[in-house]
Every structure is written in structure tokens, then in C-alpha cells.
Protein backbone atom coordinates (compact mmCIF):
# COMPACT_ATOMS: atom_id res chain seq x y z
CA MET A 1 -30.27 35.87 31.19
CA ILE A 2 -32.90 36.10 33.91
CA TRP A 3 -34.93 39.31 34.25
CA PHE A 4 -37.57 40.78 36.51
CA TYR A 5 -40.06 43.36 35.26
CA GLU A 6 -42.46 45.77 36.91
CA PHE A 7 -46.15 45.30 36.19
CA GLU A 8 -48.82 47.46 37.82
CA GLY A 9 -46.29 48.58 40.42
CA GLU A 10 -45.29 45.03 41.41
CA PRO A 11 -42.15 43.09 40.47
CA LYS A 12 -42.78 40.03 38.28
CA GLY A 13 -40.46 37.26 37.20
CA PRO A 14 -38.05 35.73 36.81
CA VAL A 15 -38.37 35.60 33.02
CA SER A 16 -35.99 34.95 30.13
CA GLU A 17 -35.28 37.38 27.29
CA ASP A 18 -37.50 35.25 25.04
CA GLN A 19 -40.32 35.62 27.55
CA LEU A 20 -39.71 39.38 27.65
CA ARG A 21 -39.95 39.45 23.85
CA ASN A 22 -43.28 37.59 24.01
CA LEU A 23 -44.59 40.00 26.67
CA LEU A 24 -43.52 42.93 24.50
CA GLU A 25 -45.19 41.47 21.39
CA ALA A 26 -48.37 40.86 23.42
CA GLU A 27 -48.17 44.51 24.59
CA THR A 28 -48.14 43.37 28.22
CA ILE A 29 -44.96 45.41 28.66
CA THR A 30 -43.57 48.38 26.73
CA SER A 31 -40.22 50.00 26.05
CA GLU A 32 -40.77 52.02 29.24
CA THR A 33 -41.42 49.00 31.49
CA ARG A 34 -38.78 48.89 34.20
CA LEU A 35 -36.50 45.83 34.27
CA TRP A 36 -33.90 44.53 36.66
CA LYS A 37 -31.45 41.62 36.77
CA ILE A 38 -28.77 40.56 39.23
CA GLY A 39 -25.80 42.88 38.92
CA MET A 40 -27.78 46.00 37.95
CA PRO A 41 -27.59 48.82 40.51
CA ALA A 42 -31.21 49.88 39.86
CA TRP A 43 -34.28 49.21 37.76
CA ALA A 44 -34.09 50.62 34.22
CA PRO A 45 -36.52 51.01 31.30
CA LEU A 46 -36.51 48.10 28.87
CA SER A 47 -35.31 50.50 26.16
CA GLU A 48 -32.08 50.99 28.13
CA ALA A 49 -31.73 47.56 29.78
CA VAL A 50 -32.29 45.39 26.68
CA PRO A 51 -32.46 47.65 23.59
CA SER A 52 -31.96 44.63 21.32
CA LEU A 53 -35.54 43.56 22.10
CA LEU A 54 -36.78 46.69 20.32
CA THR A 55 -34.87 45.96 17.12
CA PRO A 56 -37.22 44.42 14.58
CA PRO A 57 -36.23 41.10 13.04
CA LEU A 58 -34.80 41.30 9.53
CA PHE A 59 -37.78 39.61 7.90
CA PRO A 60 -40.75 39.64 10.29
CA ASN A 61 -43.58 37.46 9.00
CA ARG A 62 -42.33 37.92 5.47
CA VAL A 63 -44.45 36.30 2.81
CA PHE A 64 -42.84 35.54 -0.53
CA LEU A 65 -45.26 35.66 -3.43
CA ARG A 66 -44.74 33.98 -6.74
CA PRO A 67 -45.86 35.90 -9.84
CA THR A 68 -48.92 34.40 -11.49
CA SER A 69 -50.86 35.20 -14.61
CA ALA A 70 -52.79 37.77 -12.55
CA PHE A 71 -49.56 39.74 -12.16
CA LYS A 72 -48.02 40.80 -15.45
CA LEU A 73 -44.42 41.87 -15.15
CA SER A 74 -44.43 43.63 -18.52
CA PRO A 75 -46.98 44.20 -21.28
CA HIS A 76 -45.18 41.60 -23.42
CA ASP A 77 -45.59 38.66 -21.02
């Protein structure tokens, strides 16, 4: 899907949803940034236009640690 967003009072784009996600992560845009795509009657805040972009991934940057001797699971280990 192709989107346009408002930045400093000027329309920018076109951009994809992935590009919007990157702009959001970089804090270039926010949930209140106004977006528009073909078929929309008016510009709308990102939070209304694409709320799925504000849903965190299930496991963002998750690091799995393996227990080592430094981490005792019980006093009998």
C-alpha cells in the first residue's frame, strides 16, 4: 500500500508501510502524524489510518540467554 505523510506541514511520499514503520522507529513521524492514501476522503492520524504499525512485534529484539555456572537455578546445582 502506498502512503503519503505530512512532515513540517508539507506532504511527503509516496512511501510503503515498511517505510512508514522505519520512519516511526526513527521517530521521524509519530502516531499523530497525518497520513493519506488514494481512496481516503481526508488525511488521518497514523493511529487511525494504520493502527497495526503501533502494535509491537511479538518478540522485539529478544535475546535468549543460556544458563551458565554464573546463574544457579537452585542451591543444589
